[in-house]
PDB file of all heavy atoms in Angstrom:
ATOM      1  N   ALA A   1      70.877  88.504  86.279  1.00  0.00           N
ATOM      2  CA  ALA A   1      70.667  89.787  86.964  1.00  0.00           C
ATOM      3  C   ALA A   1      71.172  89.707  88.404  1.00  0.00           C
ATOM      4  O   ALA A   1      71.768  90.660  88.916  1.00  0.00           O
ATOM      5  CB  ALA A   1      69.190  90.163  86.935  1.00  0.00           C
ATOM      6  N   ALA A   2      70.943  88.562  89.054  1.00  0.00           N
ATOM      7  CA  ALA A   2      71.404  88.389  90.436  1.00  0.00           C
ATOM      8  C   ALA A   2      72.927  88.424  90.505  1.00  0.00           C
ATOM      9  O   ALA A   2      73.503  89.005  91.434  1.00  0.00           O
ATOM     10  CB  ALA A   2      70.878  87.076  91.004  1.00  0.00           C
ATOM     11  N   SER A   3      73.599  87.808  89.536  1.00  0.00           N
ATOM     12  CA  SER A   3      75.061  87.825  89.512  1.00  0.00           C
ATOM     13  C   SER A   3      75.579  89.248  89.354  1.00  0.00           C
ATOM     14  O   SER A   3      76.546  89.653  90.012  1.00  0.00           O
ATOM     15  CB  SER A   3      75.579  86.954  88.360  1.00  0.00           C
ATOM     16  OG  SER A   3      75.181  85.611  88.530  1.00  0.00           O
ATOM     17  N   ARG A   4      74.939  90.015  88.497  1.00  0.00           N
ATOM     18  CA  ARG A   4      75.327  91.427  88.314  1.00  0.00           C
ATOM     19  C   ARG A   4      75.110  92.209  89.594  1.00  0.00           C
ATOM     20  O   ARG A   4      75.943  93.038  89.990  1.00  0.00           O
ATOM     21  CB  ARG A   4      74.529  92.018  87.157  1.00  0.00           C
ATOM     22  CG  ARG A   4      74.753  93.509  86.925  1.00  0.00           C
ATOM     23  CD  ARG A   4      73.671  94.324  87.618  1.00  0.00           C
ATOM     24  NE  ARG A   4      73.890  95.754  87.505  1.00  0.00           N
ATOM     25  CZ  ARG A   4      73.320  96.656  88.298  1.00  0.00           C
ATOM     26  NH1 ARG A   4      72.513  96.258  89.285  1.00  0.00           N
ATOM     27  NH2 ARG A   4      73.559  97.933  88.142  1.00  0.00           N
ATOM     28  N   ASP A   5      73.995  91.957  90.285  1.00  0.00           N
ATOM     29  CA  ASP A   5      73.693  92.671  91.529  1.00  0.00           C
ATOM     30  C   ASP A   5      74.734  92.392  92.599  1.00  0.00           C
ATOM     31  O   ASP A   5      75.097  93.276  93.380  1.00  0.00           O
ATOM     32  CB  ASP A   5      72.297  92.287  92.030  1.00  0.00           C
ATOM     33  CG  ASP A   5      71.192  92.814  91.124  1.00  0.00           C
ATOM     34  OD1 ASP A   5      71.479  93.695  90.301  1.00  0.00           O
ATOM     35  OD2 ASP A   5      70.048  92.337  91.247  1.00  0.00           O
ATOM     36  N   ASN A   6      75.225  91.144  92.655  1.00  0.00           N
ATOM     37  CA  ASN A   6      76.265  90.804  93.631  1.00  0.00           C
ATOM     38  C   ASN A   6      77.501  91.680  93.434  1.00  0.00           C
ATOM     39  O   ASN A   6      78.084  92.194  94.395  1.00  0.00           O
ATOM     40  CB  ASN A   6      76.664  89.335  93.493  1.00  0.00           C
ATOM     41  CG  ASN A   6      75.571  88.386  93.943  1.00  0.00           C
ATOM     42  OD1 ASN A   6      74.663  88.770  94.663  1.00  0.00           O
ATOM     43  ND2 ASN A   6      75.659  87.145  93.512  1.00  0.00           N
ATOM     44  N   ILE A   7      77.895  91.857  92.182  1.00  0.00           N
ATOM     45  CA  ILE A   7      79.115  92.603  91.866  1.00  0.00           C
ATOM     46  C   ILE A   7      78.965  94.084  92.190  1.00  0.00           C
ATOM     47  O   ILE A   7      79.907  94.742  92.636  1.00  0.00           O
ATOM     48  CB  ILE A   7      79.471  92.414  90.378  1.00  0.00           C
ATOM     49  CG1 ILE A   7      79.789  90.937  90.099  1.00  0.00           C
ATOM     50  CG2 ILE A   7      80.638  93.306  89.980  1.00  0.00           C
ATOM     51  CD1 ILE A   7      79.953  90.617  88.628  1.00  0.00           C
ATOM     52  N   VAL A   8      77.763  94.624  91.999  1.00  0.00           N
ATOM     53  CA  VAL A   8      77.544  96.065  92.182  1.00  0.00           C
ATOM     54  C   VAL A   8      77.234  96.421  93.633  1.00  0.00           C
ATOM     55  O   VAL A   8      77.799  97.372  94.191  1.00  0.00           O
ATOM     56  CB  VAL A   8      76.397  96.548  91.265  1.00  0.00           C
ATOM     57  CG1 VAL A   8      76.028  97.997  91.582  1.00  0.00           C
ATOM     58  CG2 VAL A   8      76.798  96.410  89.805  1.00  0.00           C
ATOM     59  N   ILE A   9      76.360  95.671  94.267  1.00  0.00           N
ATOM     60  CA  ILE A   9      75.816  96.083  95.563  1.00  0.00           C
ATOM     61  C   ILE A   9      76.749  95.769  96.723  1.00  0.00           C
ATOM     62  O   ILE A   9      76.874  96.574  97.661  1.00  0.00           O
ATOM     63  CB  ILE A   9      74.432  95.434  95.776  1.00  0.00           C
ATOM     64  CG1 ILE A   9      73.451  95.946  94.721  1.00  0.00           C
ATOM     65  CG2 ILE A   9      73.901  95.746  97.179  1.00  0.00           C
ATOM     66  CD1 ILE A   9      72.104  95.281  94.751  1.00  0.00           C
ATOM     67  N   ILE A  10      77.424  94.635  96.687  1.00  0.00           N
ATOM     68  CA  ILE A  10      78.293  94.266  97.813  1.00  0.00           C
ATOM     69  C   ILE A  10      79.382  95.313  98.059  1.00  0.00           C
ATOM     70  O   ILE A  10      79.560  95.775  99.189  1.00  0.00           O
ATOM     71  CB  ILE A  10      78.878  92.855  97.602  1.00  0.00           C
ATOM     72  CG1 ILE A  10      77.774  91.808  97.811  1.00  0.00           C
ATOM     73  CG2 ILE A  10      80.045  92.588  98.537  1.00  0.00           C
ATOM     74  CD1 ILE A  10      78.201  90.372  97.560  1.00  0.00           C
ATOM     75  N   PRO A  11      80.122  95.766  97.027  1.00  0.00           N
ATOM     76  CA  PRO A  11      81.104  96.836  97.274  1.00  0.00           C
ATOM     77  C   PRO A  11      80.456  98.137  97.744  1.00  0.00           C
ATOM     78  O   PRO A  11      81.028  98.841  98.591  1.00  0.00           O
ATOM     79  CB  PRO A  11      81.774  97.027  95.907  1.00  0.00           C
ATOM     80  CG  PRO A  11      81.546  95.751  95.182  1.00  0.00           C
ATOM     81  CD  PRO A  11      80.213  95.273  95.637  1.00  0.00           C
ATOM     82  N   ALA A  12      79.271  98.450  97.215  1.00  0.00           N
ATOM     83  CA  ALA A  12      78.588  99.687  97.618  1.00  0.00           C
ATOM     84  C   ALA A  12      78.266  99.673  99.109  1.00  0.00           C
ATOM     85  O   ALA A  12      78.434 100.685  99.813  1.00  0.00           O
ATOM     86  CB  ALA A  12      77.312  99.868  96.797  1.00  0.00           C
ATOM     87  N   ILE A  13      77.803  98.525  99.611  1.00  0.00           N
ATOM     88  CA  ILE A  13      77.466  98.428 101.034  1.00  0.00           C
ATOM     89  C   ILE A  13      78.724  98.517 101.898  1.00  0.00           C
ATOM     90  O   ILE A  13      78.718  99.176 102.946  1.00  0.00           O
ATOM     91  CB  ILE A  13      76.702  97.120 101.309  1.00  0.00           C
ATOM     92  CG1 ILE A  13      75.320  97.174 100.654  1.00  0.00           C
ATOM     93  CG2 ILE A  13      76.566  96.867 102.805  1.00  0.00           C
ATOM     94  CD1 ILE A  13      74.513  95.914 100.790  1.00  0.00           C
ATOM     95  N   LEU A  14      79.814  97.887 101.460  1.00  0.00           N
ATOM     96  CA  LEU A  14      81.062  97.960 102.222  1.00  0.00           C
ATOM     97  C   LEU A  14      81.568  99.403 102.328  1.00  0.00           C
ATOM     98  O   LEU A  14      81.998  99.853 103.394  1.00  0.00           O
ATOM     99  CB  LEU A  14      82.129  97.083 101.564  1.00  0.00           C
ATOM    100  CG  LEU A  14      82.085  95.592 101.880  1.00  0.00           C
ATOM    101  CD1 LEU A  14      83.164  94.854 101.108  1.00  0.00           C
ATOM    102  CD2 LEU A  14      82.216  95.343 103.369  1.00  0.00           C
ATOM    103  N   ILE A  15      81.520 100.127 101.222  1.00  0.00           N
ATOM    104  CA  ILE A  15      81.949 101.529 101.238  1.00  0.00           C
ATOM    105  C   ILE A  15      81.058 102.345 102.164  1.00  0.00           C
ATOM    106  O   ILE A  15      81.536 103.173 102.957  1.00  0.00           O
ATOM    107  CB  ILE A  15      81.928 102.109  99.807  1.00  0.00           C
ATOM    108  CG1 ILE A  15      82.998 101.426  98.948  1.00  0.00           C
ATOM    109  CG2 ILE A  15      82.155 103.630  99.828  1.00  0.00           C
ATOM    110  CD1 ILE A  15      82.914 101.759  97.468  1.00  0.00           C
ATOM    111  N   LEU A  16      79.754 102.096 102.099  1.00  0.00           N
ATOM    112  CA  LEU A  16      78.812 102.819 102.947  1.00  0.00           C
ATOM    113  C   LEU A  16      79.085 102.547 104.430  1.00  0.00           C
ATOM    114  O   LEU A  16      79.131 103.486 105.244  1.00  0.00           O
ATOM    115  CB  LEU A  16      77.378 102.393 102.601  1.00  0.00           C
ATOM    116  CG  LEU A  16      76.280 102.951 103.503  1.00  0.00           C
ATOM    117  CD1 LEU A  16      76.131 104.446 103.285  1.00  0.00           C
ATOM    118  CD2 LEU A  16      74.959 102.238 103.242  1.00  0.00           C
ATOM    119  N   VAL A  17      79.279 101.285 104.772  1.00  0.00           N
ATOM    120  CA  VAL A  17      79.549 100.920 106.164  1.00  0.00           C
ATOM    121  C   VAL A  17      80.819 101.605 106.655  1.00  0.00           C
ATOM    122  O   VAL A  17      80.871 102.149 107.774  1.00  0.00           O
ATOM    123  CB  VAL A  17      79.662  99.383 106.299  1.00  0.00           C
ATOM    124  CG1 VAL A  17      80.301  99.003 107.630  1.00  0.00           C
ATOM    125  CG2 VAL A  17      78.291  98.735 106.173  1.00  0.00           C
ATOM    126  N   PHE A  18      81.860 101.587 105.831  1.00  0.00           N
ATOM    127  CA  PHE A  18      83.124 102.226 106.209  1.00  0.00           C
ATOM    128  C   PHE A  18      82.931 103.726 106.465  1.00  0.00           C
ATOM    129  O   PHE A  18      83.413 104.260 107.475  1.00  0.00           O
ATOM    130  CB  PHE A  18      84.163 102.013 105.110  1.00  0.00           C
ATOM    131  CG  PHE A  18      85.439 102.769 105.326  1.00  0.00           C
ATOM    132  CD1 PHE A  18      86.340 102.386 106.304  1.00  0.00           C
ATOM    133  CD2 PHE A  18      85.734 103.892 104.557  1.00  0.00           C
ATOM    134  CE1 PHE A  18      87.518 103.093 106.508  1.00  0.00           C
ATOM    135  CE2 PHE A  18      86.895 104.606 104.755  1.00  0.00           C
ATOM    136  CZ  PHE A  18      87.796 104.201 105.733  1.00  0.00           C
ATOM    137  N   LEU A  19      82.215 104.411 105.584  1.00  0.00           N
ATOM    138  CA  LEU A  19      82.011 105.852 105.744  1.00  0.00           C
ATOM    139  C   LEU A  19      81.202 106.175 106.999  1.00  0.00           C
ATOM    140  O   LEU A  19      81.495 107.155 107.700  1.00  0.00           O
ATOM    141  CB  LEU A  19      81.310 106.423 104.501  1.00  0.00           C
ATOM    142  CG  LEU A  19      82.132 106.404 103.206  1.00  0.00           C
ATOM    143  CD1 LEU A  19      81.288 106.885 102.038  1.00  0.00           C
ATOM    144  CD2 LEU A  19      83.384 107.254 103.357  1.00  0.00           C
ATOM    145  N   ILE A  20      80.215 105.352 107.305  1.00  0.00           N
ATOM    146  CA  ILE A  20      79.417 105.580 108.514  1.00  0.00           C
ATOM    147  C   ILE A  20      80.280 105.413 109.759  1.00  0.00           C
ATOM    148  O   ILE A  20      80.201 106.205 110.701  1.00  0.00           O
ATOM    149  CB  ILE A  20      78.205 104.631 108.548  1.00  0.00           C
ATOM    150  CG1 ILE A  20      77.182 105.045 107.480  1.00  0.00           C
ATOM    151  CG2 ILE A  20      77.554 104.627 109.928  1.00  0.00           C
ATOM    152  CD1 ILE A  20      76.017 104.104 107.343  1.00  0.00           C
ATOM    153  N   LEU A  21      81.118 104.386 109.752  1.00  0.00           N
ATOM    154  CA  LEU A  21      82.006 104.175 110.897  1.00  0.00           C
ATOM    155  C   LEU A  21      83.012 105.321 111.043  1.00  0.00           C
ATOM    156  O   LEU A  21      83.350 105.720 112.161  1.00  0.00           O
ATOM    157  CB  LEU A  21      82.739 102.841 110.749  1.00  0.00           C
ATOM    158  CG  LEU A  21      81.901 101.583 110.967  1.00  0.00           C
ATOM    159  CD1 LEU A  21      82.700 100.336 110.616  1.00  0.00           C
ATOM    160  CD2 LEU A  21      81.403 101.503 112.406  1.00  0.00           C
ATOM    161  N   VAL A  22      83.493 105.848 109.917  1.00  0.00           N
ATOM    162  CA  VAL A  22      84.416 106.988 109.968  1.00  0.00           C
ATOM    163  C   VAL A  22      83.742 108.183 110.628  1.00  0.00           C
ATOM    164  O   VAL A  22      84.319 108.842 111.507  1.00  0.00           O
ATOM    165  CB  VAL A  22      84.908 107.364 108.550  1.00  0.00           C
ATOM    166  CG1 VAL A  22      85.619 108.723 108.572  1.00  0.00           C
ATOM    167  CG2 VAL A  22      85.852 106.297 108.015  1.00  0.00           C
ATOM    168  N   MET A  23      82.513 108.475 110.217  1.00  0.00           N
ATOM    169  CA  MET A  23      81.799 109.618 110.796  1.00  0.00           C
ATOM    170  C   MET A  23      81.469 109.384 112.267  1.00  0.00           C
ATOM    171  O   MET A  23      81.531 110.308 113.085  1.00  0.00           O
ATOM    172  CB  MET A  23      80.510 109.879 109.998  1.00  0.00           C
ATOM    173  CG  MET A  23      80.751 110.426 108.607  1.00  0.00           C
ATOM    174  SD  MET A  23      79.216 110.891 107.754  1.00  0.00           S
ATOM    175  CE  MET A  23      78.505 109.279 107.453  1.00  0.00           C
ATOM    176  N   LEU A  24      81.147 108.155 112.616  1.00  0.00           N
ATOM    177  CA  LEU A  24      80.741 107.859 113.986  1.00  0.00           C
ATOM    178  C   LEU A  24      81.939 107.856 114.939  1.00  0.00           C
ATOM    179  O   LEU A  24      81.863 108.416 116.047  1.00  0.00           O
ATOM    180  CB  LEU A  24      80.042 106.499 114.030  1.00  0.00           C
ATOM    181  CG  LEU A  24      79.427 106.075 115.356  1.00  0.00           C
ATOM    182  CD1 LEU A  24      78.263 106.984 115.723  1.00  0.00           C
ATOM    183  CD2 LEU A  24      78.951 104.627 115.288  1.00  0.00           C
ATOM    184  N   LEU A  25      83.052 107.247 114.525  1.00  0.00           N
ATOM    185  CA  LEU A  25      84.213 107.090 115.402  1.00  0.00           C
ATOM    186  C   LEU A  25      85.250 108.198 115.204  1.00  0.00           C
ATOM    187  O   LEU A  25      86.200 108.305 115.985  1.00  0.00           O
ATOM    188  CB  LEU A  25      84.866 105.725 115.165  1.00  0.00           C
ATOM    189  CG  LEU A  25      83.964 104.508 115.415  1.00  0.00           C
ATOM    190  CD1 LEU A  25      84.707 103.217 115.101  1.00  0.00           C
ATOM    191  CD2 LEU A  25      83.446 104.489 116.850  1.00  0.00           C
ATOM    192  N   ARG A  26      85.096 108.982 114.132  1.00  0.00           N
ATOM    193  CA  ARG A  26      86.011 110.094 113.830  1.00  0.00           C
ATOM    194  C   ARG A  26      87.450 109.605 113.768  1.00  0.00           C
ATOM    195  O   ARG A  26      88.365 110.172 114.375  1.00  0.00           O
ATOM    196  CB  ARG A  26      85.862 111.203 114.875  1.00  0.00           C
ATOM    197  CG  ARG A  26      84.442 111.766 114.936  1.00  0.00           C
ATOM    198  CD  ARG A  26      84.239 112.623 116.144  1.00  0.00           C
ATOM    199  NE  ARG A  26      82.824 112.669 116.515  1.00  0.00           N
ATOM    200  CZ  ARG A  26      82.372 113.226 117.630  1.00  0.00           C
ATOM    201  NH1 ARG A  26      83.199 113.791 118.473  1.00  0.00           N
ATOM    202  NH2 ARG A  26      81.079 113.230 117.897  1.00  0.00           N
ATOM    203  N   ALA A  27      87.625 108.525 113.043  1.00  0.00           N
ATOM    204  CA  ALA A  27      88.941 107.917 112.860  1.00  0.00           C
ATOM    205  C   ALA A  27      88.954 107.194 111.520  1.00  0.00           C
ATOM    206  O   ALA A  27      87.915 107.085 110.849  1.00  0.00           O
ATOM    207  CB  ALA A  27      89.239 106.949 113.997  1.00  0.00           C
ATOM    208  N   LEU A  28      90.132 106.708 111.114  1.00  0.00           N
ATOM    209  CA  LEU A  28      90.247 105.946 109.873  1.00  0.00           C
ATOM    210  C   LEU A  28      90.668 104.501 110.118  1.00  0.00           C
ATOM    211  O   LEU A  28      90.138 103.586 109.495  1.00  0.00           O
ATOM    212  CB  LEU A  28      91.271 106.612 108.931  1.00  0.00           C
ATOM    213  CG  LEU A  28      90.835 107.909 108.257  1.00  0.00           C
ATOM    214  CD1 LEU A  28      91.975 108.467 107.413  1.00  0.00           C
ATOM    215  CD2 LEU A  28      89.605 107.679 107.385  1.00  0.00           C
ATOM    216  N   LEU A  29      91.622 104.306 111.027  1.00  0.00           N
ATOM    217  CA  LEU A  29      92.126 102.957 111.254  1.00  0.00           C
ATOM    218  C   LEU A  29      91.056 102.047 111.863  1.00  0.00           C
ATOM    219  O   LEU A  29      90.868 100.910 111.404  1.00  0.00           O
ATOM    220  CB  LEU A  29      93.355 103.000 112.165  1.00  0.00           C
ATOM    221  CG  LEU A  29      94.032 101.639 112.417  1.00  0.00           C
ATOM    222  CD1 LEU A  29      94.447 101.004 111.100  1.00  0.00           C
ATOM    223  CD2 LEU A  29      95.224 101.791 113.345  1.00  0.00           C
ATOM    224  N   ALA A  30      90.362 102.524 112.869  1.00  0.00           N
ATOM    225  CA  ALA A  30      89.318 101.698 113.500  1.00  0.00           C
ATOM    226  C   ALA A  30      88.245 101.279 112.498  1.00  0.00           C
ATOM    227  O   ALA A  30      87.893 100.088 112.433  1.00  0.00           O
ATOM    228  CB  ALA A  30      88.697 102.437 114.685  1.00  0.00           C
ATOM    229  N   PRO A  31      87.707 102.203 111.680  1.00  0.00           N
ATOM    230  CA  PRO A  31      86.720 101.777 110.675  1.00  0.00           C
ATOM    231  C   PRO A  31      87.277 100.761 109.683  1.00  0.00           C
ATOM    232  O   PRO A  31      86.565  99.830 109.281  1.00  0.00           O
ATOM    233  CB  PRO A  31      86.351 103.084 109.979  1.00  0.00           C
ATOM    234  CG  PRO A  31      86.572 104.136 111.011  1.00  0.00           C
ATOM    235  CD  PRO A  31      87.788 103.669 111.762  1.00  0.00           C
ATOM    236  N   LEU A  32      88.548 100.924 109.264  1.00  0.00           N
ATOM    237  CA  LEU A  32      89.143  99.957 108.340  1.00  0.00           C
ATOM    238  C   LEU A  32      89.201  98.569 108.973  1.00  0.00           C
ATOM    239  O   LEU A  32      88.840  97.568 108.352  1.00  0.00           O
ATOM    240  CB  LEU A  32      90.550 100.406 107.954  1.00  0.00           C
ATOM    241  CG  LEU A  32      90.672 101.404 106.802  1.00  0.00           C
ATOM    242  CD1 LEU A  32      92.113 101.878 106.662  1.00  0.00           C
ATOM    243  CD2 LEU A  32      90.192 100.782 105.489  1.00  0.00           C
ATOM    244  N   ILE A  33      89.662  98.514 110.224  1.00  0.00           N
ATOM    245  CA  ILE A  33      89.768  97.226 110.925  1.00  0.00           C
ATOM    246  C   ILE A  33      88.388  96.616 111.145  1.00  0.00           C
ATOM    247  O   ILE A  33      88.180  95.411 110.923  1.00  0.00           O
ATOM    248  CB  ILE A  33      90.503  97.416 112.264  1.00  0.00           C
ATOM    249  CG1 ILE A  33      91.968  97.760 112.018  1.00  0.00           C
ATOM    250  CG2 ILE A  33      90.388  96.165 113.131  1.00  0.00           C
ATOM    251  CD1 ILE A  33      92.740  98.113 113.269  1.00  0.00           C
ATOM    252  N   LEU A  34      87.431  97.440 111.563  1.00  0.00           N
ATOM    253  CA  LEU A  34      86.089  96.927 111.831  1.00  0.00           C
ATOM    254  C   LEU A  34      85.426  96.422 110.559  1.00  0.00           C
ATOM    255  O   LEU A  34      84.747  95.390 110.562  1.00  0.00           O
ATOM    256  CB  LEU A  34      85.238  98.020 112.477  1.00  0.00           C
ATOM    257  CG  LEU A  34      85.682  98.453 113.882  1.00  0.00           C
ATOM    258  CD1 LEU A  34      84.832  99.616 114.365  1.00  0.00           C
ATOM    259  CD2 LEU A  34      85.605  97.297 114.862  1.00  0.00           C
ATOM    260  N   THR A  35      85.622  97.135 109.448  1.00  0.00           N
ATOM    261  CA  THR A  35      85.056  96.682 108.171  1.00  0.00           C
ATOM    262  C   THR A  35      85.685  95.354 107.767  1.00  0.00           C
ATOM    263  O   THR A  35      84.996  94.452 107.270  1.00  0.00           O
ATOM    264  CB  THR A  35      85.298  97.734 107.075  1.00  0.00           C
ATOM    265  OG1 THR A  35      84.731  98.986 107.480  1.00  0.00           O
ATOM    266  CG2 THR A  35      84.659  97.305 105.760  1.00  0.00           C
ATOM    267  N   ALA A  36      86.989  95.219 107.988  1.00  0.00           N
ATOM    268  CA  ALA A  36      87.664  93.953 107.671  1.00  0.00           C
ATOM    269  C   ALA A  36      87.126  92.811 108.528  1.00  0.00           C
ATOM    270  O   ALA A  36      86.947  91.686 108.039  1.00  0.00           O
ATOM    271  CB  ALA A  36      89.168  94.111 107.877  1.00  0.00           C
ATOM    272  N   THR A  37      86.848  93.085 109.808  1.00  0.00           N
ATOM    273  CA  THR A  37      86.304  92.022 110.670  1.00  0.00           C
ATOM    274  C   THR A  37      84.913  91.609 110.215  1.00  0.00           C
ATOM    275  O   THR A  37      84.543  90.433 110.321  1.00  0.00           O
ATOM    276  CB  THR A  37      86.246  92.466 112.144  1.00  0.00           C
ATOM    277  OG1 THR A  37      85.339  93.561 112.292  1.00  0.00           O
ATOM    278  CG2 THR A  37      87.614  92.866 112.655  1.00  0.00           C
ATOM    279  N   VAL A  38      84.149  92.562 109.696  1.00  0.00           N
ATOM    280  CA  VAL A  38      82.815  92.236 109.188  1.00  0.00           C
ATOM    281  C   VAL A  38      82.917  91.304 107.987  1.00  0.00           C
ATOM    282  O   VAL A  38      82.181  90.317 107.867  1.00  0.00           O
ATOM    283  CB  VAL A  38      82.059  93.534 108.808  1.00  0.00           C
ATOM    284  CG1 VAL A  38      80.837  93.215 107.964  1.00  0.00           C
ATOM    285  CG2 VAL A  38      81.634  94.279 110.065  1.00  0.00           C
ATOM    286  N   VAL A  39      83.835  91.614 107.073  1.00  0.00           N
ATOM    287  CA  VAL A  39      84.029  90.764 105.893  1.00  0.00           C
ATOM    288  C   VAL A  39      84.515  89.373 106.307  1.00  0.00           C
ATOM    289  O   VAL A  39      84.053  88.355 105.785  1.00  0.00           O
ATOM    290  CB  VAL A  39      85.032  91.414 104.921  1.00  0.00           C
ATOM    291  CG1 VAL A  39      85.349  90.476 103.762  1.00  0.00           C
ATOM    292  CG2 VAL A  39      84.477  92.731 104.390  1.00  0.00           C
ATOM    293  N   LEU A  40      85.441  89.333 107.250  1.00  0.00           N
ATOM    294  CA  LEU A  40      85.952  88.045 107.747  1.00  0.00           C
ATOM    295  C   LEU A  40      84.840  87.233 108.394  1.00  0.00           C
ATOM    296  O   LEU A  40      84.723  86.022 108.159  1.00  0.00           O
ATOM    297  CB  LEU A  40      87.076  88.291 108.745  1.00  0.00           C
ATOM    298  CG  LEU A  40      87.752  87.047 109.342  1.00  0.00           C
ATOM    299  CD1 LEU A  40      88.426  86.230 108.245  1.00  0.00           C
ATOM    300  CD2 LEU A  40      88.768  87.455 110.405  1.00  0.00           C
ATOM    301  N   SER A  41      84.013  87.885 109.178  1.00  0.00           N
ATOM    302  CA  SER A  41      82.893  87.205 109.829  1.00  0.00           C
ATOM    303  C   SER A  41      81.914  86.663 108.796  1.00  0.00           C
ATOM    304  O   SER A  41      81.428  85.530 108.902  1.00  0.00           O
ATOM    305  CB  SER A  41      82.182  88.185 110.766  1.00  0.00           C
ATOM    306  OG  SER A  41      81.032  87.596 111.333  1.00  0.00           O
ATOM    307  N   PHE A  42      81.640  87.471 107.751  1.00  0.00           N
ATOM    308  CA  PHE A  42      80.745  87.029 106.678  1.00  0.00           C
ATOM    309  C   PHE A  42      81.318  85.812 105.967  1.00  0.00           C
ATOM    310  O   PHE A  42      80.613  84.818 105.726  1.00  0.00           O
ATOM    311  CB  PHE A  42      80.536  88.170 105.684  1.00  0.00           C
ATOM    312  CG  PHE A  42      79.889  87.745 104.394  1.00  0.00           C
ATOM    313  CD1 PHE A  42      78.537  87.432 104.353  1.00  0.00           C
ATOM    314  CD2 PHE A  42      80.635  87.661 103.223  1.00  0.00           C
ATOM    315  CE1 PHE A  42      77.937  87.042 103.157  1.00  0.00           C
ATOM    316  CE2 PHE A  42      80.044  87.269 102.029  1.00  0.00           C
ATOM    317  CZ  PHE A  42      78.697  86.954 101.999  1.00  0.00           C
ATOM    318  N   GLY A  43      82.614  85.872 105.621  1.00  0.00           N
ATOM    319  CA  GLY A  43      83.238  84.748 104.930  1.00  0.00           C
ATOM    320  C   GLY A  43      83.204  83.476 105.751  1.00  0.00           C
ATOM    321  O   GLY A  43      82.928  82.389 105.227  1.00  0.00           O
ATOM    322  N   ALA A  44      83.467  83.590 107.057  1.00  0.00           N
ATOM    323  CA  ALA A  44      83.448  82.413 107.927  1.00  0.00           C
ATOM    324  C   ALA A  44      82.042  81.825 108.025  1.00  0.00           C
ATOM    325  O   ALA A  44      81.855  80.602 107.953  1.00  0.00           O
ATOM    326  CB  ALA A  44      83.961  82.785 109.312  1.00  0.00           C
TER     327      ALA A  44
END
């Protein structure tokens, strides 16, 4: 069940974070870059 949750929830949170940044910054490129930095930071 935990393995299934990883596959479902992680993408859902990334999409949510991106959409919030889009609404907050009223842009597309900045949210894309910021979301990528979050993933990079998590991986590191």
